[in-house]
Amino acid sequence: MGVAASVGMNIGHPKTASPAGDATLLAASRTLFDNYRQLGQAAGPGALLPALIAQTHSLRELSARTGAHTREGLLRLASRYAEYTGWMMQEAGNDQGALWWTRHAVELAAAGGDHDLAAYGHVRHALVTLYRDDAAQTLDLARQAQHSKLPTRIRGLAAQREAQGHALAGDYDACMRSLDRARALLTTPASQSDGPPIIGTTNLPDPVAMITGWCLYDLGRPGEAAEVMSGQMALVPPHALRTRVRYGMRRALAHAMAGELEHACDLAERLLPAAATVDSATITMDMRALARTLARHPKNAAVRRVSPELSTVLRFVNSK
């Protein structure tokens, strides 16, 4: 049971918490959120979703029993739990659930006085359409989150998503312009232990560089993509398994598409155990693409070595 859930056993009773107690509750719930995000790097979504959903509901209910300042803080934090729940829903392969929880996150944030998360909701929605290969909707959603009055981080993440949409559409110049905008906006550090949770990834030291590699692959430049992503993978923290597998598989796929089959197989082979652990529907899409690419070279020794294990992991994640 989470901190807020355990404290919330008396929901429905009159407010009795002191200001100091309110502050402790908010701080403990914030720390717990960081712990859940860290756990999400090393566990499948099924292990997190029940706790995240319960924590979101508990924080929302507890907000009615606190002072005005803490109430806003709890609702805003509940919105971040809901947004993260939406991401885990997408990782579990439930796009409709992902979109529902993203909308719920926007509602909770607005109730807590944060009206900017609505724009980030467009960025999250655009990630769903990106994985559906819908360039037009990805671009439309990303552009809705780039109003000049929005926080620079949200605008930067939206510009980054727009770049991915342009890459899907095959527009190299527009993609690079969007990446330039994203780099100019994403200048603040991706760590914020004493404030609200940072929006977006915290495990990529240079997210724009990594997304540049991602885009180059979609633009049909797998060799360039592999080179860029190889340099960035060395900077990803060892504990960030989900991040390492996500971009590592895309890197392996880029090497395979560039004809570097042995290197692609070596990379994939090292990632497969972690891929089974994090159990990601989005990563599985790149694994399937890698399997199809390798299948074109049945006589290659490295392909024959890796393909059975790759097929086993794909059967495992598809069966869940």
C-alpha atoms as a PDB file:
ATOM      1  CA  MET A   1       0.000   0.000   0.000  1.00  0.00           C
ATOM      2  CA  GLY A   2       1.333   3.462  -0.917  1.00  0.00           C
ATOM      3  CA  VAL A   3       1.972   6.300   1.491  1.00  0.00           C
ATOM      4  CA  ALA A   4      -1.112   8.264   0.463  1.00  0.00           C
ATOM      5  CA  ALA A   5      -3.259   5.137   0.470  1.00  0.00           C
ATOM      6  CA  SER A   6      -2.212   4.235   4.002  1.00  0.00           C
ATOM      7  CA  VAL A   7      -2.667   7.759   5.300  1.00  0.00           C
ATOM      8  CA  GLY A   8      -6.039   7.901   3.536  1.00  0.00           C
ATOM      9  CA  MET A   9      -7.688   5.132   5.535  1.00  0.00           C
ATOM     10  CA  ASN A  10      -9.753   7.808   7.319  1.00  0.00           C
ATOM     11  CA  ILE A  11     -11.069   9.462   4.166  1.00  0.00           C
ATOM     12  CA  GLY A  12     -14.527  10.864   4.805  1.00  0.00           C
ATOM     13  CA  HIS A  13     -13.738  12.136   8.314  1.00  0.00           C
ATOM     14  CA  PRO A  14     -13.358  15.860   9.033  1.00  0.00           C
ATOM     15  CA  LYS A  15     -10.040  17.473   8.265  1.00  0.00           C
ATOM     16  CA  THR A  16      -7.640  17.022  11.189  1.00  0.00           C
ATOM     17  CA  ALA A  17      -4.204  17.320   9.623  1.00  0.00           C
ATOM     18  CA  SER A  18      -1.929  20.139  10.700  1.00  0.00           C
ATOM     19  CA  PRO A  19      -0.019  22.267   8.169  1.00  0.00           C
ATOM     20  CA  ALA A  20       3.101  20.297   9.071  1.00  0.00           C
ATOM     21  CA  GLY A  21       1.210  17.042   8.514  1.00  0.00           C
ATOM     22  CA  ASP A  22      -0.045  18.290   5.152  1.00  0.00           C
ATOM     23  CA  ALA A  23       3.489  19.123   4.078  1.00  0.00           C
ATOM     24  CA  THR A  24       4.734  15.707   5.174  1.00  0.00           C
ATOM     25  CA  LEU A  25       1.962  13.976   3.242  1.00  0.00           C
ATOM     26  CA  LEU A  26       2.749  15.909   0.072  1.00  0.00           C
ATOM     27  CA  ALA A  27       6.502  15.338   0.381  1.00  0.00           C
ATOM     28  CA  ALA A  28       6.082  11.615   1.056  1.00  0.00           C
ATOM     29  CA  SER A  29       3.718  11.190  -1.892  1.00  0.00           C
ATOM     30  CA  ARG A  30       6.158  13.077  -4.126  1.00  0.00           C
ATOM     31  CA  THR A  31       9.024  10.795  -3.061  1.00  0.00           C
ATOM     32  CA  LEU A  32       6.845   7.771  -3.702  1.00  0.00           C
ATOM     33  CA  PHE A  33       6.152   8.995  -7.237  1.00  0.00           C
ATOM     34  CA  ASP A  34       9.878   9.123  -7.928  1.00  0.00           C
ATOM     35  CA  ASN A  35      10.179   5.575  -6.605  1.00  0.00           C
ATOM     36  CA  TYR A  36       7.408   4.371  -8.910  1.00  0.00           C
ATOM     37  CA  ARG A  37       9.085   5.985 -11.903  1.00  0.00           C
ATOM     38  CA  GLN A  38      12.335   4.274 -10.990  1.00  0.00           C
ATOM     39  CA  LEU A  39      10.522   0.949 -10.588  1.00  0.00           C
ATOM     40  CA  GLY A  40       8.942   1.472 -13.998  1.00  0.00           C
ATOM     41  CA  GLN A  41      12.406   1.359 -15.527  1.00  0.00           C
ATOM     42  CA  ALA A  42      12.940  -2.200 -14.285  1.00  0.00           C
ATOM     43  CA  ALA A  43       9.473  -3.794 -14.193  1.00  0.00           C
ATOM     44  CA  GLY A  44       6.594  -4.450 -16.542  1.00  0.00           C
ATOM     45  CA  PRO A  45       3.505  -2.202 -16.539  1.00  0.00           C
ATOM     46  CA  GLY A  46       1.402  -4.921 -14.956  1.00  0.00           C
ATOM     47  CA  ALA A  47       3.466  -4.639 -11.772  1.00  0.00           C
ATOM     48  CA  LEU A  48       2.854  -0.880 -11.497  1.00  0.00           C
ATOM     49  CA  LEU A  49      -0.616  -0.151 -12.804  1.00  0.00           C
ATOM     50  CA  PRO A  50      -2.663  -1.286  -9.776  1.00  0.00           C
ATOM     51  CA  ALA A  51      -0.521   0.769  -7.384  1.00  0.00           C
ATOM     52  CA  LEU A  52      -0.480   3.826  -9.654  1.00  0.00           C
ATOM     53  CA  ILE A  53      -4.250   3.776 -10.077  1.00  0.00           C
ATOM     54  CA  ALA A  54      -4.823   3.357  -6.337  1.00  0.00           C
ATOM     55  CA  GLN A  55      -2.369   6.147  -5.547  1.00  0.00           C
ATOM     56  CA  THR A  56      -4.058   8.512  -7.987  1.00  0.00           C
ATOM     57  CA  HIS A  57      -7.460   7.934  -6.394  1.00  0.00           C
ATOM     58  CA  SER A  58      -6.051   8.242  -2.872  1.00  0.00           C
ATOM     59  CA  LEU A  59      -4.388  11.574  -3.575  1.00  0.00           C
ATOM     60  CA  ARG A  60      -7.548  12.939  -5.153  1.00  0.00           C
ATOM     61  CA  GLU A  61      -9.614  11.942  -2.126  1.00  0.00           C
ATOM     62  CA  LEU A  62      -7.021  13.141   0.376  1.00  0.00           C
ATOM     63  CA  SER A  63      -6.972  16.552  -1.297  1.00  0.00           C
ATOM     64  CA  ALA A  64     -10.445  17.198   0.142  1.00  0.00           C
ATOM     65  CA  ARG A  65      -9.101  16.907   3.691  1.00  0.00           C
ATOM     66  CA  THR A  66      -6.197  19.340   3.548  1.00  0.00           C
ATOM     67  CA  GLY A  67      -5.569  23.058   3.432  1.00  0.00           C
ATOM     68  CA  ALA A  68      -5.930  24.959   0.170  1.00  0.00           C
ATOM     69  CA  HIS A  69      -2.203  25.037  -0.639  1.00  0.00           C
ATOM     70  CA  THR A  70      -1.700  21.331   0.024  1.00  0.00           C
ATOM     71  CA  ARG A  71      -4.942  20.533  -1.808  1.00  0.00           C
ATOM     72  CA  GLU A  72      -3.564  22.078  -4.983  1.00  0.00           C
ATOM     73  CA  GLY A  73      -0.279  20.267  -4.531  1.00  0.00           C
ATOM     74  CA  LEU A  74      -1.987  16.908  -4.048  1.00  0.00           C
ATOM     75  CA  LEU A  75      -4.197  17.368  -7.088  1.00  0.00           C
ATOM     76  CA  ARG A  76      -1.261  18.363  -9.243  1.00  0.00           C
ATOM     77  CA  LEU A  77       0.706  15.367  -8.013  1.00  0.00           C
ATOM     78  CA  ALA A  78      -2.322  13.137  -8.620  1.00  0.00           C
ATOM     79  CA  SER A  79      -2.330  14.436 -12.190  1.00  0.00           C
ATOM     80  CA  ARG A  80       1.253  13.297 -12.637  1.00  0.00           C
ATOM     81  CA  TYR A  81       0.390   9.871 -11.255  1.00  0.00           C
ATOM     82  CA  ALA A  82      -2.489   9.746 -13.759  1.00  0.00           C
ATOM     83  CA  GLU A  83      -0.240  10.855 -16.622  1.00  0.00           C
ATOM     84  CA  TYR A  84       2.304   8.173 -15.717  1.00  0.00           C
ATOM     85  CA  THR A  85      -0.529   5.635 -15.489  1.00  0.00           C
ATOM     86  CA  GLY A  86      -1.429   6.599 -19.053  1.00  0.00           C
ATOM     87  CA  TRP A  87       2.139   5.920 -20.173  1.00  0.00           C
ATOM     88  CA  MET A  88       2.132   2.514 -18.465  1.00  0.00           C
ATOM     89  CA  MET A  89      -1.224   1.765 -20.139  1.00  0.00           C
ATOM     90  CA  GLN A  90       0.391   2.468 -23.501  1.00  0.00           C
ATOM     91  CA  GLU A  91       3.332   0.270 -22.560  1.00  0.00           C
ATOM     92  CA  ALA A  92       0.806  -2.469 -21.744  1.00  0.00           C
ATOM     93  CA  GLY A  93      -0.665  -2.120 -25.236  1.00  0.00           C
ATOM     94  CA  ASN A  94      -3.885  -0.378 -24.159  1.00  0.00           C
ATOM     95  CA  ASP A  95      -4.002   2.817 -26.222  1.00  0.00           C
ATOM     96  CA  GLN A  96      -7.575   3.670 -25.255  1.00  0.00           C
ATOM     97  CA  GLY A  97      -6.688   3.321 -21.586  1.00  0.00           C
ATOM     98  CA  ALA A  98      -3.631   5.487 -22.171  1.00  0.00           C
ATOM     99  CA  LEU A  99      -5.739   8.264 -23.680  1.00  0.00           C
ATOM    100  CA  TRP A 100      -8.378   8.029 -20.916  1.00  0.00           C
ATOM    101  CA  TRP A 101      -5.791   8.379 -18.175  1.00  0.00           C
ATOM    102  CA  THR A 102      -4.116  11.242 -20.005  1.00  0.00           C
ATOM    103  CA  ARG A 103      -7.449  13.090 -20.119  1.00  0.00           C
ATOM    104  CA  HIS A 104      -7.981  12.334 -16.434  1.00  0.00           C
ATOM    105  CA  ALA A 105      -4.519  13.747 -15.699  1.00  0.00           C
ATOM    106  CA  VAL A 106      -5.472  16.990 -17.446  1.00  0.00           C
ATOM    107  CA  GLU A 107      -8.686  17.222 -15.376  1.00  0.00           C
ATOM    108  CA  LEU A 108      -6.847  16.668 -12.093  1.00  0.00           C
ATOM    109  CA  ALA A 109      -4.184  19.210 -13.011  1.00  0.00           C
ATOM    110  CA  ALA A 110      -6.806  21.828 -13.858  1.00  0.00           C
ATOM    111  CA  ALA A 111      -8.544  21.200 -10.523  1.00  0.00           C
ATOM    112  CA  GLY A 112      -5.196  21.900  -8.872  1.00  0.00           C
ATOM    113  CA  GLY A 113      -4.683  25.142 -10.789  1.00  0.00           C
ATOM    114  CA  ASP A 114      -2.303  23.735 -13.417  1.00  0.00           C
ATOM    115  CA  HIS A 115      -3.734  24.419 -16.859  1.00  0.00           C
ATOM    116  CA  ASP A 116      -0.476  23.735 -18.725  1.00  0.00           C
ATOM    117  CA  LEU A 117      -0.702  19.958 -18.474  1.00  0.00           C
ATOM    118  CA  ALA A 118      -3.502  20.087 -21.045  1.00  0.00           C
ATOM    119  CA  ALA A 119      -0.866  21.007 -23.625  1.00  0.00           C
ATOM    120  CA  TYR A 120       1.379  18.156 -22.527  1.00  0.00           C
ATOM    121  CA  GLY A 121      -1.667  15.911 -22.912  1.00  0.00           C
ATOM    122  CA  HIS A 122      -1.458  16.672 -26.642  1.00  0.00           C
ATOM    123  CA  VAL A 123       2.195  15.609 -26.643  1.00  0.00           C
ATOM    124  CA  ARG A 124       1.286  12.333 -24.930  1.00  0.00           C
ATOM    125  CA  HIS A 125      -1.600  11.760 -27.348  1.00  0.00           C
ATOM    126  CA  ALA A 126       0.813  12.412 -30.213  1.00  0.00           C
ATOM    127  CA  LEU A 127       3.002   9.574 -28.946  1.00  0.00           C
ATOM    128  CA  VAL A 128       0.063   7.206 -29.398  1.00  0.00           C
ATOM    129  CA  THR A 129      -0.506   8.408 -32.965  1.00  0.00           C
ATOM    130  CA  LEU A 130       3.242   8.247 -33.639  1.00  0.00           C
ATOM    131  CA  TYR A 131       3.279   4.533 -32.864  1.00  0.00           C
ATOM    132  CA  ARG A 132       0.273   4.158 -35.166  1.00  0.00           C
ATOM    133  CA  ASP A 133       2.384   5.686 -37.977  1.00  0.00           C
ATOM    134  CA  ASP A 134      -0.107   8.551 -38.279  1.00  0.00           C
ATOM    135  CA  ALA A 135       2.143  11.435 -39.269  1.00  0.00           C
ATOM    136  CA  ALA A 136      -0.637  13.948 -39.906  1.00  0.00           C
ATOM    137  CA  GLN A 137      -2.303  13.579 -36.512  1.00  0.00           C
ATOM    138  CA  THR A 138       1.053  13.475 -34.741  1.00  0.00           C
ATOM    139  CA  LEU A 139       1.965  16.805 -36.309  1.00  0.00           C
ATOM    140  CA  ASP A 140      -1.422  18.356 -35.551  1.00  0.00           C
ATOM    141  CA  LEU A 141      -1.320  17.343 -31.877  1.00  0.00           C
ATOM    142  CA  ALA A 142       2.298  18.401 -31.400  1.00  0.00           C
ATOM    143  CA  ARG A 143       1.640  21.832 -32.876  1.00  0.00           C
ATOM    144  CA  GLN A 144      -1.216  22.407 -30.415  1.00  0.00           C
ATOM    145  CA  ALA A 145       1.303  22.284 -27.558  1.00  0.00           C
ATOM    146  CA  GLN A 146       3.673  24.999 -28.767  1.00  0.00           C
ATOM    147  CA  HIS A 147       1.879  28.218 -27.805  1.00  0.00           C
ATOM    148  CA  SER A 148       4.375  30.867 -26.743  1.00  0.00           C
ATOM    149  CA  LYS A 149       2.766  31.235 -23.290  1.00  0.00           C
ATOM    150  CA  LEU A 150       3.360  27.597 -22.377  1.00  0.00           C
ATOM    151  CA  PRO A 151       6.356  26.489 -20.267  1.00  0.00           C
ATOM    152  CA  THR A 152       9.470  26.058 -22.352  1.00  0.00           C
ATOM    153  CA  ARG A 153       9.864  22.372 -21.442  1.00  0.00           C
ATOM    154  CA  ILE A 154       6.398  21.487 -22.746  1.00  0.00           C
ATOM    155  CA  ARG A 155       7.050  23.476 -25.923  1.00  0.00           C
ATOM    156  CA  GLY A 156      10.408  21.759 -26.334  1.00  0.00           C
ATOM    157  CA  LEU A 157       8.916  18.289 -25.933  1.00  0.00           C
ATOM    158  CA  ALA A 158       6.168  19.239 -28.377  1.00  0.00           C
ATOM    159  CA  ALA A 159       8.734  20.438 -30.926  1.00  0.00           C
ATOM    160  CA  GLN A 160      10.582  17.168 -30.472  1.00  0.00           C
ATOM    161  CA  ARG A 161       7.352  15.217 -31.137  1.00  0.00           C
ATOM    162  CA  GLU A 162       6.656  17.405 -34.170  1.00  0.00           C
ATOM    163  CA  ALA A 163      10.087  16.434 -35.484  1.00  0.00           C
ATOM    164  CA  GLN A 164       9.140  12.767 -35.167  1.00  0.00           C
ATOM    165  CA  GLY A 165       5.940  13.466 -37.078  1.00  0.00           C
ATOM    166  CA  HIS A 166       7.880  15.148 -39.884  1.00  0.00           C
ATOM    167  CA  ALA A 167      10.250  12.169 -39.957  1.00  0.00           C
ATOM    168  CA  LEU A 168       7.306   9.801 -40.402  1.00  0.00           C
ATOM    169  CA  ALA A 169       6.128  12.007 -43.250  1.00  0.00           C
ATOM    170  CA  GLY A 170       9.600  11.929 -44.828  1.00  0.00           C
ATOM    171  CA  ASP A 171      10.218  15.678 -44.522  1.00  0.00           C
ATOM    172  CA  TYR A 172      13.900  15.964 -43.587  1.00  0.00           C
ATOM    173  CA  ASP A 173      14.171  19.775 -43.570  1.00  0.00           C
ATOM    174  CA  ALA A 174      11.054  20.318 -41.439  1.00  0.00           C
ATOM    175  CA  CYS A 175      12.223  17.594 -39.072  1.00  0.00           C
ATOM    176  CA  MET A 176      15.609  19.240 -38.556  1.00  0.00           C
ATOM    177  CA  ARG A 177      14.007  22.648 -37.998  1.00  0.00           C
ATOM    178  CA  SER A 178      11.753  21.194 -35.317  1.00  0.00           C
ATOM    179  CA  LEU A 179      14.719  19.520 -33.641  1.00  0.00           C
ATOM    180  CA  ASP A 180      16.565  22.845 -33.636  1.00  0.00           C
ATOM    181  CA  ARG A 181      13.588  24.459 -31.886  1.00  0.00           C
ATOM    182  CA  ALA A 182      13.444  21.618 -29.397  1.00  0.00           C
ATOM    183  CA  ARG A 183      17.129  21.973 -28.558  1.00  0.00           C
ATOM    184  CA  ALA A 184      16.756  25.712 -28.005  1.00  0.00           C
ATOM    185  CA  LEU A 185      13.836  25.121 -25.620  1.00  0.00           C
ATOM    186  CA  LEU A 186      15.059  22.079 -23.694  1.00  0.00           C
ATOM    187  CA  THR A 187      17.848  23.832 -21.867  1.00  0.00           C
ATOM    188  CA  THR A 188      16.766  23.211 -18.259  1.00  0.00           C
ATOM    189  CA  PRO A 189      18.203  20.240 -16.344  1.00  0.00           C
ATOM    190  CA  ALA A 190      16.045  17.084 -16.350  1.00  0.00           C
ATOM    191  CA  SER A 191      16.149  16.681 -12.574  1.00  0.00           C
ATOM    192  CA  GLN A 192      14.034  18.525 -10.050  1.00  0.00           C
ATOM    193  CA  SER A 193      14.011  16.772  -6.688  1.00  0.00           C
ATOM    194  CA  ASP A 194      12.629  19.705  -4.666  1.00  0.00           C
ATOM    195  CA  GLY A 195       9.784  20.698  -7.002  1.00  0.00           C
ATOM    196  CA  PRO A 196       7.042  19.037  -9.021  1.00  0.00           C
ATOM    197  CA  PRO A 197       8.051  15.952 -11.033  1.00  0.00           C
ATOM    198  CA  ILE A 198       9.849  16.773 -14.232  1.00  0.00           C
ATOM    199  CA  ILE A 199       7.707  16.351 -17.339  1.00  0.00           C
ATOM    200  CA  GLY A 200       9.081  13.879 -19.851  1.00  0.00           C
ATOM    201  CA  THR A 201      12.086  11.621 -19.661  1.00  0.00           C
ATOM    202  CA  THR A 202      14.656  11.971 -16.901  1.00  0.00           C
ATOM    203  CA  ASN A 203      17.022   9.301 -18.231  1.00  0.00           C
ATOM    204  CA  LEU A 204      18.295  10.886 -21.442  1.00  0.00           C
ATOM    205  CA  PRO A 205      21.063  13.437 -20.785  1.00  0.00           C
ATOM    206  CA  ASP A 206      20.527  14.862 -24.286  1.00  0.00           C
ATOM    207  CA  PRO A 207      17.005  13.849 -25.400  1.00  0.00           C
ATOM    208  CA  VAL A 208      17.139  15.916 -28.600  1.00  0.00           C
ATOM    209  CA  ALA A 209      20.260  14.088 -29.777  1.00  0.00           C
ATOM    210  CA  MET A 210      18.667  10.699 -29.129  1.00  0.00           C
ATOM    211  CA  ILE A 211      15.443  11.703 -30.877  1.00  0.00           C
ATOM    212  CA  THR A 212      17.546  12.963 -33.786  1.00  0.00           C
ATOM    213  CA  GLY A 213      18.790   9.403 -34.217  1.00  0.00           C
ATOM    214  CA  TRP A 214      15.221   8.106 -33.937  1.00  0.00           C
ATOM    215  CA  CYS A 215      14.105  10.545 -36.635  1.00  0.00           C
ATOM    216  CA  LEU A 216      16.985   9.702 -38.954  1.00  0.00           C
ATOM    217  CA  TYR A 217      15.876   6.089 -38.931  1.00  0.00           C
ATOM    218  CA  ASP A 218      12.317   7.049 -39.899  1.00  0.00           C
ATOM    219  CA  LEU A 219      13.745   9.321 -42.585  1.00  0.00           C
ATOM    220  CA  GLY A 220      15.407   6.309 -44.216  1.00  0.00           C
ATOM    221  CA  ARG A 221      18.946   7.064 -43.025  1.00  0.00           C
ATOM    222  CA  PRO A 222      19.659   4.045 -40.803  1.00  0.00           C
ATOM    223  CA  GLY A 223      23.446   4.361 -40.921  1.00  0.00           C
ATOM    224  CA  GLU A 224      23.344   7.939 -39.656  1.00  0.00           C
ATOM    225  CA  ALA A 225      20.706   6.984 -37.102  1.00  0.00           C
ATOM    226  CA  ALA A 226      22.845   4.153 -35.731  1.00  0.00           C
ATOM    227  CA  GLU A 227      25.876   6.421 -35.405  1.00  0.00           C
ATOM    228  CA  VAL A 228      23.977   9.116 -33.505  1.00  0.00           C
ATOM    229  CA  MET A 229      22.194   6.685 -31.209  1.00  0.00           C
ATOM    230  CA  SER A 230      25.372   4.732 -30.463  1.00  0.00           C
ATOM    231  CA  GLY A 231      26.977   7.860 -29.039  1.00  0.00           C
ATOM    232  CA  GLN A 232      23.929   8.625 -26.916  1.00  0.00           C
ATOM    233  CA  MET A 233      23.425   5.098 -25.568  1.00  0.00           C
ATOM    234  CA  ALA A 234      26.722   5.371 -23.678  1.00  0.00           C
ATOM    235  CA  LEU A 235      25.173   8.201 -21.631  1.00  0.00           C
ATOM    236  CA  VAL A 236      21.999   6.384 -20.529  1.00  0.00           C
ATOM    237  CA  PRO A 237      22.232   5.332 -16.845  1.00  0.00           C
ATOM    238  CA  PRO A 238      22.687   1.566 -16.326  1.00  0.00           C
ATOM    239  CA  HIS A 239      19.627   1.347 -14.053  1.00  0.00           C
ATOM    240  CA  ALA A 240      17.294   2.780 -16.722  1.00  0.00           C
ATOM    241  CA  LEU A 241      16.469  -0.582 -18.297  1.00  0.00           C
ATOM    242  CA  ARG A 242      13.294   0.514 -20.085  1.00  0.00           C
ATOM    243  CA  THR A 243      15.080   3.483 -21.639  1.00  0.00           C
ATOM    244  CA  ARG A 244      18.111   1.377 -22.558  1.00  0.00           C
ATOM    245  CA  VAL A 245      15.967  -1.272 -24.237  1.00  0.00           C
ATOM    246  CA  ARG A 246      13.728   1.276 -26.001  1.00  0.00           C
ATOM    247  CA  TYR A 247      16.540   3.131 -27.700  1.00  0.00           C
ATOM    248  CA  GLY A 248      18.874   0.153 -27.802  1.00  0.00           C
ATOM    249  CA  MET A 249      16.404  -1.846 -29.893  1.00  0.00           C
ATOM    250  CA  ARG A 250      15.896   1.109 -32.225  1.00  0.00           C
ATOM    251  CA  ARG A 251      19.685   1.335 -32.509  1.00  0.00           C
ATOM    252  CA  ALA A 252      19.947  -2.399 -33.274  1.00  0.00           C
ATOM    253  CA  LEU A 253      17.215  -2.045 -35.892  1.00  0.00           C
ATOM    254  CA  ALA A 254      19.079   0.860 -37.491  1.00  0.00           C
ATOM    255  CA  HIS A 255      22.284  -1.194 -37.692  1.00  0.00           C
ATOM    256  CA  ALA A 256      20.364  -4.096 -39.231  1.00  0.00           C
ATOM    257  CA  MET A 257      18.730  -1.850 -41.834  1.00  0.00           C
ATOM    258  CA  ALA A 258      22.166  -0.403 -42.624  1.00  0.00           C
ATOM    259  CA  GLY A 259      23.414  -3.923 -43.377  1.00  0.00           C
ATOM    260  CA  GLU A 260      25.473  -4.301 -40.202  1.00  0.00           C
ATOM    261  CA  LEU A 261      23.834  -7.589 -39.259  1.00  0.00           C
ATOM    262  CA  GLU A 262      26.462  -8.975 -36.891  1.00  0.00           C
ATOM    263  CA  HIS A 263      26.569  -5.792 -34.831  1.00  0.00           C
ATOM    264  CA  ALA A 264      22.782  -5.567 -34.805  1.00  0.00           C
ATOM    265  CA  CYS A 265      22.527  -9.146 -33.562  1.00  0.00           C
ATOM    266  CA  ASP A 266      25.146  -8.583 -30.854  1.00  0.00           C
ATOM    267  CA  LEU A 267      23.256  -5.530 -29.577  1.00  0.00           C
ATOM    268  CA  ALA A 268      19.872  -7.242 -29.634  1.00  0.00           C
ATOM    269  CA  GLU A 269      21.185 -10.352 -27.920  1.00  0.00           C
ATOM    270  CA  ARG A 270      22.350  -8.308 -24.933  1.00  0.00           C
ATOM    271  CA  LEU A 271      18.997  -6.500 -24.710  1.00  0.00           C
ATOM    272  CA  LEU A 272      16.599  -9.431 -24.976  1.00  0.00           C
ATOM    273  CA  PRO A 273      16.552 -10.461 -21.277  1.00  0.00           C
ATOM    274  CA  ALA A 274      15.738  -6.890 -20.247  1.00  0.00           C
ATOM    275  CA  ALA A 275      13.142  -6.628 -23.024  1.00  0.00           C
ATOM    276  CA  ALA A 276      11.279  -9.555 -21.484  1.00  0.00           C
ATOM    277  CA  THR A 277      11.500  -7.905 -18.055  1.00  0.00           C
ATOM    278  CA  VAL A 278      10.135  -4.467 -18.988  1.00  0.00           C
ATOM    279  CA  ASP A 279       7.414  -6.037 -21.191  1.00  0.00           C
ATOM    280  CA  SER A 280       6.766  -2.984 -23.384  1.00  0.00           C
ATOM    281  CA  ALA A 281       4.212  -2.934 -26.206  1.00  0.00           C
ATOM    282  CA  THR A 282       6.008  -0.014 -27.863  1.00  0.00           C
ATOM    283  CA  ILE A 283       9.439  -1.646 -27.704  1.00  0.00           C
ATOM    284  CA  THR A 284       7.885  -4.834 -29.069  1.00  0.00           C
ATOM    285  CA  MET A 285       7.047  -2.962 -32.271  1.00  0.00           C
ATOM    286  CA  ASP A 286      10.752  -2.380 -32.954  1.00  0.00           C
ATOM    287  CA  MET A 287      11.528  -5.973 -31.971  1.00  0.00           C
ATOM    288  CA  ARG A 288       9.059  -7.215 -34.571  1.00  0.00           C
ATOM    289  CA  ALA A 289      10.599  -4.927 -37.174  1.00  0.00           C
ATOM    290  CA  LEU A 290      14.035  -6.259 -36.236  1.00  0.00           C
ATOM    291  CA  ALA A 291      12.806  -9.861 -36.546  1.00  0.00           C
ATOM    292  CA  ARG A 292      11.408  -9.129 -40.029  1.00  0.00           C
ATOM    293  CA  THR A 293      14.650  -7.473 -41.091  1.00  0.00           C
ATOM    294  CA  LEU A 294      16.804 -10.331 -39.839  1.00  0.00           C
ATOM    295  CA  ALA A 295      14.522 -12.888 -41.492  1.00  0.00           C
ATOM    296  CA  ARG A 296      15.679 -11.589 -44.860  1.00  0.00           C
ATOM    297  CA  HIS A 297      19.131 -13.022 -44.126  1.00  0.00           C
ATOM    298  CA  PRO A 298      18.524 -16.629 -43.033  1.00  0.00           C
ATOM    299  CA  LYS A 299      22.012 -17.805 -43.944  1.00  0.00           C
ATOM    300  CA  ASN A 300      23.835 -15.289 -41.758  1.00  0.00           C
ATOM    301  CA  ALA A 301      25.411 -17.012 -38.732  1.00  0.00           C
ATOM    302  CA  ALA A 302      24.647 -14.169 -36.316  1.00  0.00           C
ATOM    303  CA  VAL A 303      21.031 -14.093 -37.472  1.00  0.00           C
ATOM    304  CA  ARG A 304      20.678 -17.853 -36.972  1.00  0.00           C
ATOM    305  CA  ARG A 305      22.118 -17.480 -33.459  1.00  0.00           C
ATOM    306  CA  VAL A 306      19.860 -14.640 -32.313  1.00  0.00           C
ATOM    307  CA  SER A 307      16.590 -15.307 -34.133  1.00  0.00           C
ATOM    308  CA  PRO A 308      15.384 -18.173 -31.892  1.00  0.00           C
ATOM    309  CA  GLU A 309      15.835 -16.111 -28.715  1.00  0.00           C
ATOM    310  CA  LEU A 310      14.247 -13.073 -30.346  1.00  0.00           C
ATOM    311  CA  SER A 311      11.249 -15.203 -31.364  1.00  0.00           C
ATOM    312  CA  THR A 312      10.982 -16.594 -27.838  1.00  0.00           C
ATOM    313  CA  VAL A 313      10.887 -13.129 -26.272  1.00  0.00           C
ATOM    314  CA  LEU A 314       8.324 -11.949 -28.816  1.00  0.00           C
ATOM    315  CA  ARG A 315       6.099 -14.937 -28.034  1.00  0.00           C
ATOM    316  CA  PHE A 316       6.475 -14.214 -24.329  1.00  0.00           C
ATOM    317  CA  VAL A 317       5.489 -10.541 -24.526  1.00  0.00           C
ATOM    318  CA  ASN A 318       2.690 -11.252 -27.003  1.00  0.00           C
ATOM    319  CA  SER A 319       1.179 -13.873 -24.707  1.00  0.00           C
ATOM    320  CA  LYS A 320       0.721 -11.465 -21.778  1.00  0.00           C
END
